[in-house]
Amino acid sequence: MKAVFPLWKMDTAFLIRDFIGQQFKTLTCCTNDGYLGEEWAGREIDLDFVNQLPSDTDPCGENGEFHSFCYDGPLFQHKIHFTIGEKIYRPIEVKTNDTCSLPSDHSTRGFWFCDLIPV
């Protein structure tokens, strides 16, 4: 297996469709609330997912819109079995002089995390 970094200047819409077409199975484990809400955390990344993404969202999450977990595919000897657990929201906190505050000039306020519990 050979990793290729970065995906810079590659068509990520093509890449995600190719990835799905090769029967890889993946889901979002974290979403950036500046782009996607709680309902997107823990969601299967399939063609419906890609087609429903907001137009300003990279289909591969290359701008930090989401993080994913791949649990099955043609390179796997065994599928990784898990259940989806609790979704937790964590706001961004900026520390200044031992105090915490939310940033006021950025659309991202925090992240939704989805627990993945091994079975």
PDB file of N, CA and C in Angstrom:
ATOM      1  N   MET A   1       0.846  -1.159   0.000  1.00  0.00           N
ATOM      2  CA  MET A   1       0.000   0.000   0.000  1.00  0.00           C
ATOM      3  C   MET A   1       0.900   1.234   0.000  1.00  0.00           C
ATOM      4  N   LYS A   2       0.543   2.231  -0.810  1.00  0.00           N
ATOM      5  CA  LYS A   2       1.338   3.445  -0.894  1.00  0.00           C
ATOM      6  C   LYS A   2       0.420   4.651  -0.704  1.00  0.00           C
ATOM      7  N   ALA A   3       0.723   5.459   0.284  1.00  0.00           N
ATOM      8  CA  ALA A   3      -0.037   6.685   0.513  1.00  0.00           C
ATOM      9  C   ALA A   3       0.506   7.788  -0.381  1.00  0.00           C
ATOM     10  N   VAL A   4      -0.397   8.620  -0.885  1.00  0.00           N
ATOM     11  CA  VAL A   4      -0.016   9.727  -1.738  1.00  0.00           C
ATOM     12  C   VAL A   4      -0.515  11.008  -1.093  1.00  0.00           C
ATOM     13  N   PHE A   5       0.399  11.891  -0.732  1.00  0.00           N
ATOM     14  CA  PHE A   5       0.048  13.156  -0.103  1.00  0.00           C
ATOM     15  C   PHE A   5       0.748  14.286  -0.841  1.00  0.00           C
ATOM     16  N   PRO A   6       0.185  15.448  -0.942  1.00  0.00           N
ATOM     17  CA  PRO A   6      -1.217  15.743  -0.637  1.00  0.00           C
ATOM     18  C   PRO A   6      -2.097  15.446  -1.840  1.00  0.00           C
ATOM     19  N   LEU A   7      -3.386  15.625  -1.680  1.00  0.00           N
ATOM     20  CA  LEU A   7      -4.328  15.446  -2.785  1.00  0.00           C
ATOM     21  C   LEU A   7      -4.494  16.758  -3.555  1.00  0.00           C
ATOM     22  N   TRP A   8      -3.578  17.655  -3.336  1.00  0.00           N
ATOM     23  CA  TRP A   8      -3.609  18.991  -3.915  1.00  0.00           C
ATOM     24  C   TRP A   8      -3.802  18.935  -5.429  1.00  0.00           C
ATOM     25  N   LYS A   9      -4.710  19.752  -5.912  1.00  0.00           N
ATOM     26  CA  LYS A   9      -5.038  19.893  -7.340  1.00  0.00           C
ATOM     27  C   LYS A   9      -5.705  18.660  -7.925  1.00  0.00           C
ATOM     28  N   MET A  10      -6.157  17.724  -7.100  1.00  0.00           N
ATOM     29  CA  MET A  10      -6.898  16.571  -7.606  1.00  0.00           C
ATOM     30  C   MET A  10      -8.386  16.843  -7.396  1.00  0.00           C
ATOM     31  N   ASP A  11      -9.206  16.316  -8.281  1.00  0.00           N
ATOM     32  CA  ASP A  11     -10.649  16.502  -8.210  1.00  0.00           C
ATOM     33  C   ASP A  11     -11.214  15.615  -7.101  1.00  0.00           C
ATOM     34  N   THR A  12     -11.508  16.215  -5.943  1.00  0.00           N
ATOM     35  CA  THR A  12     -11.964  15.423  -4.796  1.00  0.00           C
ATOM     36  C   THR A  12     -13.363  14.850  -5.003  1.00  0.00           C
ATOM     37  N   ALA A  13     -14.179  15.471  -5.862  1.00  0.00           N
ATOM     38  CA  ALA A  13     -15.491  14.886  -6.183  1.00  0.00           C
ATOM     39  C   ALA A  13     -15.291  13.554  -6.908  1.00  0.00           C
ATOM     40  N   PHE A  14     -14.330  13.505  -7.815  1.00  0.00           N
ATOM     41  CA  PHE A  14     -14.004  12.251  -8.496  1.00  0.00           C
ATOM     42  C   PHE A  14     -13.419  11.246  -7.508  1.00  0.00           C
ATOM     43  N   LEU A  15     -12.502  11.704  -6.658  1.00  0.00           N
ATOM     44  CA  LEU A  15     -11.834  10.801  -5.714  1.00  0.00           C
ATOM     45  C   LEU A  15     -12.820  10.117  -4.777  1.00  0.00           C
ATOM     46  N   ILE A  16     -13.777  10.877  -4.209  1.00  0.00           N
ATOM     47  CA  ILE A  16     -14.709  10.263  -3.257  1.00  0.00           C
ATOM     48  C   ILE A  16     -15.646   9.292  -3.968  1.00  0.00           C
ATOM     49  N   ARG A  17     -16.053   9.622  -5.181  1.00  0.00           N
ATOM     50  CA  ARG A  17     -16.922   8.700  -5.932  1.00  0.00           C
ATOM     51  C   ARG A  17     -16.169   7.419  -6.302  1.00  0.00           C
ATOM     52  N   ASP A  18     -14.903   7.557  -6.648  1.00  0.00           N
ATOM     53  CA  ASP A  18     -14.068   6.395  -6.939  1.00  0.00           C
ATOM     54  C   ASP A  18     -13.888   5.538  -5.680  1.00  0.00           C
ATOM     55  N   PHE A  19     -13.628   6.191  -4.547  1.00  0.00           N
ATOM     56  CA  PHE A  19     -13.470   5.513  -3.255  1.00  0.00           C
ATOM     57  C   PHE A  19     -14.734   4.711  -2.911  1.00  0.00           C
ATOM     58  N   ILE A  20     -15.887   5.329  -3.051  1.00  0.00           N
ATOM     59  CA  ILE A  20     -17.166   4.665  -2.772  1.00  0.00           C
ATOM     60  C   ILE A  20     -17.392   3.534  -3.775  1.00  0.00           C
ATOM     61  N   GLY A  21     -17.084   3.792  -5.040  1.00  0.00           N
ATOM     62  CA  GLY A  21     -17.256   2.781  -6.082  1.00  0.00           C
ATOM     63  C   GLY A  21     -16.390   1.549  -5.884  1.00  0.00           C
ATOM     64  N   GLN A  22     -15.265   1.709  -5.208  1.00  0.00           N
ATOM     65  CA  GLN A  22     -14.390   0.571  -4.917  1.00  0.00           C
ATOM     66  C   GLN A  22     -14.851  -0.205  -3.681  1.00  0.00           C
ATOM     67  N   GLN A  23     -16.001   0.168  -3.123  1.00  0.00           N
ATOM     68  CA  GLN A  23     -16.632  -0.517  -2.002  1.00  0.00           C
ATOM     69  C   GLN A  23     -15.967  -0.273  -0.648  1.00  0.00           C
ATOM     70  N   PHE A  24     -15.259   0.835  -0.508  1.00  0.00           N
ATOM     71  CA  PHE A  24     -14.780   1.211   0.814  1.00  0.00           C
ATOM     72  C   PHE A  24     -15.958   1.709   1.629  1.00  0.00           C
ATOM     73  N   LYS A  25     -15.959   1.434   2.910  1.00  0.00           N
ATOM     74  CA  LYS A  25     -17.022   1.848   3.826  1.00  0.00           C
ATOM     75  C   LYS A  25     -16.417   2.774   4.868  1.00  0.00           C
ATOM     76  N   THR A  26     -16.980   3.938   4.993  1.00  0.00           N
ATOM     77  CA  THR A  26     -16.459   4.933   5.917  1.00  0.00           C
ATOM     78  C   THR A  26     -17.588   5.811   6.432  1.00  0.00           C
ATOM     79  N   LEU A  27     -17.355   6.462   7.546  1.00  0.00           N
ATOM     80  CA  LEU A  27     -18.345   7.382   8.099  1.00  0.00           C
ATOM     81  C   LEU A  27     -17.640   8.554   8.742  1.00  0.00           C
ATOM     82  N   THR A  28     -18.400   9.605   9.002  1.00  0.00           N
ATOM     83  CA  THR A  28     -17.829  10.772   9.665  1.00  0.00           C
ATOM     84  C   THR A  28     -17.763  10.504  11.159  1.00  0.00           C
ATOM     85  N   CYS A  29     -16.646  10.829  11.757  1.00  0.00           N
ATOM     86  CA  CYS A  29     -16.493  10.682  13.209  1.00  0.00           C
ATOM     87  C   CYS A  29     -16.370  12.043  13.886  1.00  0.00           C
ATOM     88  N   CYS A  30     -16.227  13.105  13.092  1.00  0.00           N
ATOM     89  CA  CYS A  30     -16.125  14.464  13.614  1.00  0.00           C
ATOM     90  C   CYS A  30     -16.574  15.431  12.525  1.00  0.00           C
ATOM     91  N   THR A  31     -17.393  16.412  12.902  1.00  0.00           N
ATOM     92  CA  THR A  31     -17.806  17.429  11.940  1.00  0.00           C
ATOM     93  C   THR A  31     -17.542  18.823  12.499  1.00  0.00           C
ATOM     94  N   ASN A  32     -17.143  19.703  11.626  1.00  0.00           N
ATOM     95  CA  ASN A  32     -16.878  21.102  11.946  1.00  0.00           C
ATOM     96  C   ASN A  32     -18.202  21.848  11.813  1.00  0.00           C
ATOM     97  N   ASP A  33     -18.681  22.463  12.897  1.00  0.00           N
ATOM     98  CA  ASP A  33     -20.005  23.089  12.859  1.00  0.00           C
ATOM     99  C   ASP A  33     -20.081  24.332  11.977  1.00  0.00           C
ATOM    100  N   GLY A  34     -18.954  24.798  11.469  1.00  0.00           N
ATOM    101  CA  GLY A  34     -18.973  25.877  10.496  1.00  0.00           C
ATOM    102  C   GLY A  34     -19.463  25.410   9.138  1.00  0.00           C
ATOM    103  N   TYR A  35     -19.493  24.103   8.941  1.00  0.00           N
ATOM    104  CA  TYR A  35     -19.904  23.516   7.674  1.00  0.00           C
ATOM    105  C   TYR A  35     -21.063  22.532   7.836  1.00  0.00           C
ATOM    106  N   LEU A  36     -20.973  21.661   8.842  1.00  0.00           N
ATOM    107  CA  LEU A  36     -21.929  20.570   8.999  1.00  0.00           C
ATOM    108  C   LEU A  36     -22.379  20.477  10.451  1.00  0.00           C
ATOM    109  N   GLY A  37     -23.636  20.160  10.661  1.00  0.00           N
ATOM    110  CA  GLY A  37     -24.180  20.085  12.006  1.00  0.00           C
ATOM    111  C   GLY A  37     -24.112  18.688  12.603  1.00  0.00           C
ATOM    112  N   GLU A  38     -24.749  18.544  13.749  1.00  0.00           N
ATOM    113  CA  GLU A  38     -24.748  17.289  14.499  1.00  0.00           C
ATOM    114  C   GLU A  38     -25.248  16.107  13.668  1.00  0.00           C
ATOM    115  N   GLU A  39     -26.235  16.348  12.825  1.00  0.00           N
ATOM    116  CA  GLU A  39     -26.839  15.254  12.043  1.00  0.00           C
ATOM    117  C   GLU A  39     -25.853  14.615  11.068  1.00  0.00           C
ATOM    118  N   TRP A  40     -24.756  15.271  10.779  1.00  0.00           N
ATOM    119  CA  TRP A  40     -23.744  14.722   9.872  1.00  0.00           C
ATOM    120  C   TRP A  40     -22.726  13.859  10.606  1.00  0.00           C
ATOM    121  N   ALA A  41     -22.613  13.995  11.906  1.00  0.00           N
ATOM    122  CA  ALA A  41     -21.665  13.188  12.685  1.00  0.00           C
ATOM    123  C   ALA A  41     -22.175  11.754  12.780  1.00  0.00           C
ATOM    124  N   GLY A  42     -21.324  10.798  12.444  1.00  0.00           N
ATOM    125  CA  GLY A  42     -21.700   9.390  12.471  1.00  0.00           C
ATOM    126  C   GLY A  42     -22.421   8.934  11.214  1.00  0.00           C
ATOM    127  N   ARG A  43     -22.458   9.783  10.219  1.00  0.00           N
ATOM    128  CA  ARG A  43     -23.179   9.455   8.987  1.00  0.00           C
ATOM    129  C   ARG A  43     -22.278   8.704   8.014  1.00  0.00           C
ATOM    130  N   GLU A  44     -22.845   7.706   7.370  1.00  0.00           N
ATOM    131  CA  GLU A  44     -22.150   6.922   6.352  1.00  0.00           C
ATOM    132  C   GLU A  44     -21.795   7.825   5.166  1.00  0.00           C
ATOM    133  N   ILE A  45     -20.576   7.708   4.675  1.00  0.00           N
ATOM    134  CA  ILE A  45     -20.171   8.470   3.494  1.00  0.00           C
ATOM    135  C   ILE A  45     -20.454   7.598   2.269  1.00  0.00           C
ATOM    136  N   ASP A  46     -21.568   7.911   1.637  1.00  0.00           N
ATOM    137  CA  ASP A  46     -21.992   7.205   0.431  1.00  0.00           C
ATOM    138  C   ASP A  46     -22.414   8.268  -0.586  1.00  0.00           C
ATOM    139  N   LEU A  47     -22.982   7.846  -1.715  1.00  0.00           N
ATOM    140  CA  LEU A  47     -23.353   8.820  -2.740  1.00  0.00           C
ATOM    141  C   LEU A  47     -24.420   9.792  -2.256  1.00  0.00           C
ATOM    142  N   ASP A  48     -25.356   9.338  -1.420  1.00  0.00           N
ATOM    143  CA  ASP A  48     -26.345  10.264  -0.851  1.00  0.00           C
ATOM    144  C   ASP A  48     -25.659  11.340  -0.017  1.00  0.00           C
ATOM    145  N   PHE A  49     -24.699  10.940   0.801  1.00  0.00           N
ATOM    146  CA  PHE A  49     -23.923  11.880   1.612  1.00  0.00           C
ATOM    147  C   PHE A  49     -23.278  12.932   0.709  1.00  0.00           C
ATOM    148  N   VAL A  50     -22.569  12.476  -0.319  1.00  0.00           N
ATOM    149  CA  VAL A  50     -21.854  13.378  -1.221  1.00  0.00           C
ATOM    150  C   VAL A  50     -22.821  14.331  -1.915  1.00  0.00           C
ATOM    151  N   ASN A  51     -23.948  13.801  -2.394  1.00  0.00           N
ATOM    152  CA  ASN A  51     -24.922  14.619  -3.115  1.00  0.00           C
ATOM    153  C   ASN A  51     -25.625  15.638  -2.223  1.00  0.00           C
ATOM    154  N   GLN A  52     -25.679  15.395  -0.925  1.00  0.00           N
ATOM    155  CA  GLN A  52     -26.373  16.295   0.002  1.00  0.00           C
ATOM    156  C   GLN A  52     -25.437  17.301   0.679  1.00  0.00           C
ATOM    157  N   LEU A  53     -24.144  17.212   0.434  1.00  0.00           N
ATOM    158  CA  LEU A  53     -23.202  18.158   1.045  1.00  0.00           C
ATOM    159  C   LEU A  53     -23.486  19.584   0.576  1.00  0.00           C
ATOM    160  N   PRO A  54     -23.351  20.559   1.471  1.00  0.00           N
ATOM    161  CA  PRO A  54     -23.458  21.956   1.038  1.00  0.00           C
ATOM    162  C   PRO A  54     -22.411  22.253  -0.045  1.00  0.00           C
ATOM    163  N   SER A  55     -22.714  23.171  -0.931  1.00  0.00           N
ATOM    164  CA  SER A  55     -21.843  23.448  -2.081  1.00  0.00           C
ATOM    165  C   SER A  55     -20.452  23.951  -1.681  1.00  0.00           C
ATOM    166  N   ASP A  56     -20.312  24.544  -0.494  1.00  0.00           N
ATOM    167  CA  ASP A  56     -19.004  25.050  -0.061  1.00  0.00           C
ATOM    168  C   ASP A  56     -18.206  24.024   0.733  1.00  0.00           C
ATOM    169  N   THR A  57     -18.633  22.765   0.709  1.00  0.00           N
ATOM    170  CA  THR A  57     -17.974  21.702   1.465  1.00  0.00           C
ATOM    171  C   THR A  57     -17.232  20.775   0.516  1.00  0.00           C
ATOM    172  N   ASP A  58     -15.955  20.535   0.796  1.00  0.00           N
ATOM    173  CA  ASP A  58     -15.174  19.611  -0.022  1.00  0.00           C
ATOM    174  C   ASP A  58     -15.682  18.192   0.203  1.00  0.00           C
ATOM    175  N   PRO A  59     -15.942  17.427  -0.861  1.00  0.00           N
ATOM    176  CA  PRO A  59     -16.495  16.077  -0.710  1.00  0.00           C
ATOM    177  C   PRO A  59     -15.601  15.109   0.067  1.00  0.00           C
ATOM    178  N   CYS A  60     -14.295  15.405   0.155  1.00  0.00           N
ATOM    179  CA  CYS A  60     -13.374  14.571   0.931  1.00  0.00           C
ATOM    180  C   CYS A  60     -13.038  15.206   2.278  1.00  0.00           C
ATOM    181  N   GLY A  61     -13.633  16.346   2.586  1.00  0.00           N
ATOM    182  CA  GLY A  61     -13.350  17.022   3.849  1.00  0.00           C
ATOM    183  C   GLY A  61     -11.949  17.608   3.910  1.00  0.00           C
ATOM    184  N   GLU A  62     -11.378  17.930   2.766  1.00  0.00           N
ATOM    185  CA  GLU A  62      -9.990  18.380   2.700  1.00  0.00           C
ATOM    186  C   GLU A  62      -9.739  19.756   3.306  1.00  0.00           C
ATOM    187  N   ASN A  63     -10.788  20.496   3.616  1.00  0.00           N
ATOM    188  CA  ASN A  63     -10.622  21.805   4.244  1.00  0.00           C
ATOM    189  C   ASN A  63     -11.013  21.783   5.711  1.00  0.00           C
ATOM    190  N   GLY A  64     -11.054  20.597   6.291  1.00  0.00           N
ATOM    191  CA  GLY A  64     -11.361  20.465   7.710  1.00  0.00           C
ATOM    192  C   GLY A  64     -12.842  20.411   8.027  1.00  0.00           C
ATOM    193  N   GLU A  65     -13.682  20.191   7.023  1.00  0.00           N
ATOM    194  CA  GLU A  65     -15.126  20.137   7.245  1.00  0.00           C
ATOM    195  C   GLU A  65     -15.539  18.933   8.083  1.00  0.00           C
ATOM    196  N   PHE A  66     -14.836  17.817   7.893  1.00  0.00           N
ATOM    197  CA  PHE A  66     -15.127  16.605   8.661  1.00  0.00           C
ATOM    198  C   PHE A  66     -13.912  15.693   8.656  1.00  0.00           C
ATOM    199  N   HIS A  67     -13.916  14.762   9.615  1.00  0.00           N
ATOM    200  CA  HIS A  67     -12.928  13.689   9.658  1.00  0.00           C
ATOM    201  C   HIS A  67     -13.698  12.381   9.523  1.00  0.00           C
ATOM    202  N   SER A  68     -13.035  11.383   8.983  1.00  0.00           N
ATOM    203  CA  SER A  68     -13.740  10.129   8.726  1.00  0.00           C
ATOM    204  C   SER A  68     -12.980   8.926   9.284  1.00  0.00           C
ATOM    205  N   PHE A  69     -13.712   7.835   9.368  1.00  0.00           N
ATOM    206  CA  PHE A  69     -13.173   6.556   9.844  1.00  0.00           C
ATOM    207  C   PHE A  69     -13.556   5.499   8.824  1.00  0.00           C
ATOM    208  N   CYS A  70     -12.569   4.866   8.209  1.00  0.00           N
ATOM    209  CA  CYS A  70     -12.810   3.806   7.229  1.00  0.00           C
ATOM    210  C   CYS A  70     -12.763   2.470   7.955  1.00  0.00           C
ATOM    211  N   TYR A  71     -13.837   1.694   7.846  1.00  0.00           N
ATOM    212  CA  TYR A  71     -13.937   0.453   8.600  1.00  0.00           C
ATOM    213  C   TYR A  71     -14.029  -0.811   7.743  1.00  0.00           C
ATOM    214  N   ASP A  72     -14.099  -0.655   6.423  1.00  0.00           N
ATOM    215  CA  ASP A  72     -14.166  -1.835   5.560  1.00  0.00           C
ATOM    216  C   ASP A  72     -13.802  -1.422   4.137  1.00  0.00           C
ATOM    217  N   GLY A  73     -13.305  -2.389   3.392  1.00  0.00           N
ATOM    218  CA  GLY A  73     -12.965  -2.145   2.002  1.00  0.00           C
ATOM    219  C   GLY A  73     -12.138  -3.279   1.442  1.00  0.00           C
ATOM    220  N   PRO A  74     -11.816  -3.186   0.165  1.00  0.00           N
ATOM    221  CA  PRO A  74     -11.113  -4.285  -0.500  1.00  0.00           C
ATOM    222  C   PRO A  74      -9.714  -4.565   0.043  1.00  0.00           C
ATOM    223  N   LEU A  75      -9.113  -3.625   0.745  1.00  0.00           N
ATOM    224  CA  LEU A  75      -7.776  -3.848   1.306  1.00  0.00           C
ATOM    225  C   LEU A  75      -7.816  -4.434   2.721  1.00  0.00           C
ATOM    226  N   PHE A  76      -8.995  -4.503   3.307  1.00  0.00           N
ATOM    227  CA  PHE A  76      -9.142  -5.002   4.677  1.00  0.00           C
ATOM    228  C   PHE A  76      -9.213  -6.523   4.676  1.00  0.00           C
ATOM    229  N   GLN A  77      -8.514  -7.154   5.620  1.00  0.00           N
ATOM    230  CA  GLN A  77      -8.680  -8.599   5.800  1.00  0.00           C
ATOM    231  C   GLN A  77      -9.994  -8.883   6.507  1.00  0.00           C
ATOM    232  N   HIS A  78     -10.377  -7.992   7.438  1.00  0.00           N
ATOM    233  CA  HIS A  78     -11.624  -8.137   8.181  1.00  0.00           C
ATOM    234  C   HIS A  78     -12.247  -6.761   8.392  1.00  0.00           C
ATOM    235  N   LYS A  79     -13.542  -6.729   8.301  1.00  0.00           N
ATOM    236  CA  LYS A  79     -14.282  -5.514   8.595  1.00  0.00           C
ATOM    237  C   LYS A  79     -14.109  -5.172  10.076  1.00  0.00           C
ATOM    238  N   ILE A  80     -14.021  -3.887  10.408  1.00  0.00           N
ATOM    239  CA  ILE A  80     -13.962  -3.453  11.803  1.00  0.00           C
ATOM    240  C   ILE A  80     -15.401  -3.266  12.287  1.00  0.00           C
ATOM    241  N   HIS A  81     -15.781  -4.009  13.300  1.00  0.00           N
ATOM    242  CA  HIS A  81     -17.150  -3.943  13.823  1.00  0.00           C
ATOM    243  C   HIS A  81     -17.220  -2.956  14.979  1.00  0.00           C
ATOM    244  N   PHE A  82     -18.255  -2.121  14.976  1.00  0.00           N
ATOM    245  CA  PHE A  82     -18.432  -1.102  16.002  1.00  0.00           C
ATOM    246  C   PHE A  82     -19.896  -0.687  16.041  1.00  0.00           C
ATOM    247  N   THR A  83     -20.252   0.019  17.078  1.00  0.00           N
ATOM    248  CA  THR A  83     -21.554   0.679  17.141  1.00  0.00           C
ATOM    249  C   THR A  83     -21.295   2.171  17.330  1.00  0.00           C
ATOM    250  N   ILE A  84     -22.266   2.945  16.920  1.00  0.00           N
ATOM    251  CA  ILE A  84     -22.165   4.391  17.085  1.00  0.00           C
ATOM    252  C   ILE A  84     -22.691   4.744  18.458  1.00  0.00           C
ATOM    253  N   GLY A  85     -21.880   5.448  19.206  1.00  0.00           N
ATOM    254  CA  GLY A  85     -22.258   5.852  20.553  1.00  0.00           C
ATOM    255  C   GLY A  85     -22.742   7.285  20.605  1.00  0.00           C
ATOM    256  N   GLU A  86     -22.451   7.916  21.707  1.00  0.00           N
ATOM    257  CA  GLU A  86     -22.901   9.275  21.981  1.00  0.00           C
ATOM    258  C   GLU A  86     -22.232  10.293  21.048  1.00  0.00           C
ATOM    259  N   LYS A  87     -22.988  11.328  20.712  1.00  0.00           N
ATOM    260  CA  LYS A  87     -22.432  12.473  19.993  1.00  0.00           C
ATOM    261  C   LYS A  87     -22.181  13.577  21.011  1.00  0.00           C
ATOM    262  N   ILE A  88     -21.001  14.149  20.938  1.00  0.00           N
ATOM    263  CA  ILE A  88     -20.594  15.162  21.911  1.00  0.00           C
ATOM    264  C   ILE A  88     -20.147  16.412  21.165  1.00  0.00           C
ATOM    265  N   TYR A  89     -20.580  17.567  21.642  1.00  0.00           N
ATOM    266  CA  TYR A  89     -20.173  18.839  21.060  1.00  0.00           C
ATOM    267  C   TYR A  89     -19.088  19.477  21.921  1.00  0.00           C
ATOM    268  N   ARG A  90     -18.034  19.916  21.284  1.00  0.00           N
ATOM    269  CA  ARG A  90     -16.943  20.594  21.981  1.00  0.00           C
ATOM    270  C   ARG A  90     -16.727  21.962  21.324  1.00  0.00           C
ATOM    271  N   PRO A  91     -17.030  23.046  22.062  1.00  0.00           N
ATOM    272  CA  PRO A  91     -16.768  24.379  21.504  1.00  0.00           C
ATOM    273  C   PRO A  91     -15.269  24.653  21.482  1.00  0.00           C
ATOM    274  N   ILE A  92     -14.870  25.506  20.564  1.00  0.00           N
ATOM    275  CA  ILE A  92     -13.480  25.947  20.517  1.00  0.00           C
ATOM    276  C   ILE A  92     -13.277  26.922  21.664  1.00  0.00           C
ATOM    277  N   GLU A  93     -12.207  26.740  22.396  1.00  0.00           N
ATOM    278  CA  GLU A  93     -11.884  27.657  23.479  1.00  0.00           C
ATOM    279  C   GLU A  93     -10.506  28.246  23.219  1.00  0.00           C
ATOM    280  N   VAL A  94     -10.419  29.530  23.352  1.00  0.00           N
ATOM    281  CA  VAL A  94      -9.147  30.230  23.171  1.00  0.00           C
ATOM    282  C   VAL A  94      -8.704  30.725  24.533  1.00  0.00           C
ATOM    283  N   LYS A  95      -7.519  30.305  24.954  1.00  0.00           N
ATOM    284  CA  LYS A  95      -7.006  30.729  26.264  1.00  0.00           C
ATOM    285  C   LYS A  95      -6.204  32.015  26.136  1.00  0.00           C
ATOM    286  N   THR A  96      -6.574  32.974  26.962  1.00  0.00           N
ATOM    287  CA  THR A  96      -5.806  34.208  27.067  1.00  0.00           C
ATOM    288  C   THR A  96      -5.789  34.612  28.524  1.00  0.00           C
ATOM    289  N   ASN A  97      -4.609  34.776  29.087  1.00  0.00           N
ATOM    290  CA  ASN A  97      -4.450  35.182  30.489  1.00  0.00           C
ATOM    291  C   ASN A  97      -5.257  34.291  31.436  1.00  0.00           C
ATOM    292  N   ASP A  98      -5.162  32.975  31.226  1.00  0.00           N
ATOM    293  CA  ASP A  98      -5.828  31.982  32.080  1.00  0.00           C
ATOM    294  C   ASP A  98      -7.350  32.060  32.051  1.00  0.00           C
ATOM    295  N   THR A  99      -7.929  32.649  31.031  1.00  0.00           N
ATOM    296  CA  THR A  99      -9.384  32.629  30.872  1.00  0.00           C
ATOM    297  C   THR A  99      -9.707  32.003  29.528  1.00  0.00           C
ATOM    298  N   CYS A 100     -10.883  31.462  29.404  1.00  0.00           N
ATOM    299  CA  CYS A 100     -11.314  30.840  28.157  1.00  0.00           C
ATOM    300  C   CYS A 100     -12.445  31.655  27.563  1.00  0.00           C
ATOM    301  N   SER A 101     -12.421  31.806  26.258  1.00  0.00           N
ATOM    302  CA  SER A 101     -13.509  32.484  25.570  1.00  0.00           C
ATOM    303  C   SER A 101     -13.666  31.894  24.184  1.00  0.00           C
ATOM    304  N   LEU A 102     -14.857  32.044  23.609  1.00  0.00           N
ATOM    305  CA  LEU A 102     -15.092  31.581  22.253  1.00  0.00           C
ATOM    306  C   LEU A 102     -14.549  32.614  21.275  1.00  0.00           C
ATOM    307  N   PRO A 103     -14.003  32.163  20.154  1.00  0.00           N
ATOM    308  CA  PRO A 103     -13.543  33.126  19.163  1.00  0.00           C
ATOM    309  C   PRO A 103     -14.745  33.874  18.594  1.00  0.00           C
ATOM    310  N   SER A 104     -14.576  35.171  18.308  1.00  0.00           N
ATOM    311  CA  SER A 104     -15.706  35.967  17.843  1.00  0.00           C
ATOM    312  C   SER A 104     -15.680  36.237  16.346  1.00  0.00           C
ATOM    313  N   ASP A 105     -14.599  35.902  15.658  1.00  0.00           N
ATOM    314  CA  ASP A 105     -14.482  36.274  14.253  1.00  0.00           C
ATOM    315  C   ASP A 105     -14.345  35.088  13.306  1.00  0.00           C
ATOM    316  N   HIS A 106     -14.864  33.942  13.689  1.00  0.00           N
ATOM    317  CA  HIS A 106     -14.747  32.771  12.835  1.00  0.00           C
ATOM    318  C   HIS A 106     -16.062  32.014  12.830  1.00  0.00           C
ATOM    319  N   SER A 107     -16.422  31.451  11.677  1.00  0.00           N
ATOM    320  CA  SER A 107     -17.695  30.751  11.575  1.00  0.00           C
ATOM    321  C   SER A 107     -17.701  29.424  12.326  1.00  0.00           C
ATOM    322  N   THR A 108     -16.532  28.836  12.535  1.00  0.00           N
ATOM    323  CA  THR A 108     -16.449  27.587  13.282  1.00  0.00           C
ATOM    324  C   THR A 108     -16.486  27.895  14.770  1.00  0.00           C
ATOM    325  N   ARG A 109     -17.469  27.332  15.452  1.00  0.00           N
ATOM    326  CA  ARG A 109     -17.595  27.527  16.897  1.00  0.00           C
ATOM    327  C   ARG A 109     -17.174  26.284  17.673  1.00  0.00           C
ATOM    328  N   GLY A 110     -17.150  25.158  16.968  1.00  0.00           N
ATOM    329  CA  GLY A 110     -16.779  23.923  17.640  1.00  0.00           C
ATOM    330  C   GLY A 110     -16.939  22.728  16.720  1.00  0.00           C
ATOM    331  N   PHE A 111     -16.897  21.545  17.329  1.00  0.00           N
ATOM    332  CA  PHE A 111     -16.929  20.305  16.569  1.00  0.00           C
ATOM    333  C   PHE A 111     -17.854  19.296  17.226  1.00  0.00           C
ATOM    334  N   TRP A 112     -18.547  18.522  16.396  1.00  0.00           N
ATOM    335  CA  TRP A 112     -19.336  17.385  16.860  1.00  0.00           C
ATOM    336  C   TRP A 112     -18.479  16.131  16.724  1.00  0.00           C
ATOM    337  N   PHE A 113     -18.370  15.388  17.808  1.00  0.00           N
ATOM    338  CA  PHE A 113     -17.631  14.126  17.798  1.00  0.00           C
ATOM    339  C   PHE A 113     -18.612  12.980  18.020  1.00  0.00           C
ATOM    340  N   CYS A 114     -18.373  11.902  17.330  1.00  0.00           N
ATOM    341  CA  CYS A 114     -19.227  10.720  17.433  1.00  0.00           C
ATOM    342  C   CYS A 114     -18.391   9.577  17.983  1.00  0.00           C
ATOM    343  N   ASP A 115     -18.811   9.037  19.124  1.00  0.00           N
ATOM    344  CA  ASP A 115     -18.112   7.875  19.694  1.00  0.00           C
ATOM    345  C   ASP A 115     -18.318   6.659  18.815  1.00  0.00           C
ATOM    346  N   LEU A 116     -17.248   5.932  18.564  1.00  0.00           N
ATOM    347  CA  LEU A 116     -17.304   4.659  17.847  1.00  0.00           C
ATOM    348  C   LEU A 116     -16.841   3.598  18.830  1.00  0.00           C
ATOM    349  N   ILE A 117     -17.748   2.696  19.172  1.00  0.00           N
ATOM    350  CA  ILE A 117     -17.486   1.719  20.226  1.00  0.00           C
ATOM    351  C   ILE A 117     -17.213   0.351  19.586  1.00  0.00           C
ATOM    352  N   PRO A 118     -16.020  -0.215  19.811  1.00  0.00           N
ATOM    353  CA  PRO A 118     -15.718  -1.539  19.237  1.00  0.00           C
ATOM    354  C   PRO A 118     -16.706  -2.597  19.728  1.00  0.00           C
ATOM    355  N   VAL A 119     -17.037  -3.511  18.840  1.00  0.00           N
ATOM    356  CA  VAL A 119     -17.931  -4.619  19.187  1.00  0.00           C
ATOM    357  C   VAL A 119     -17.102  -5.886  19.341  1.00  0.00           C
TER     358      VAL A 119
END
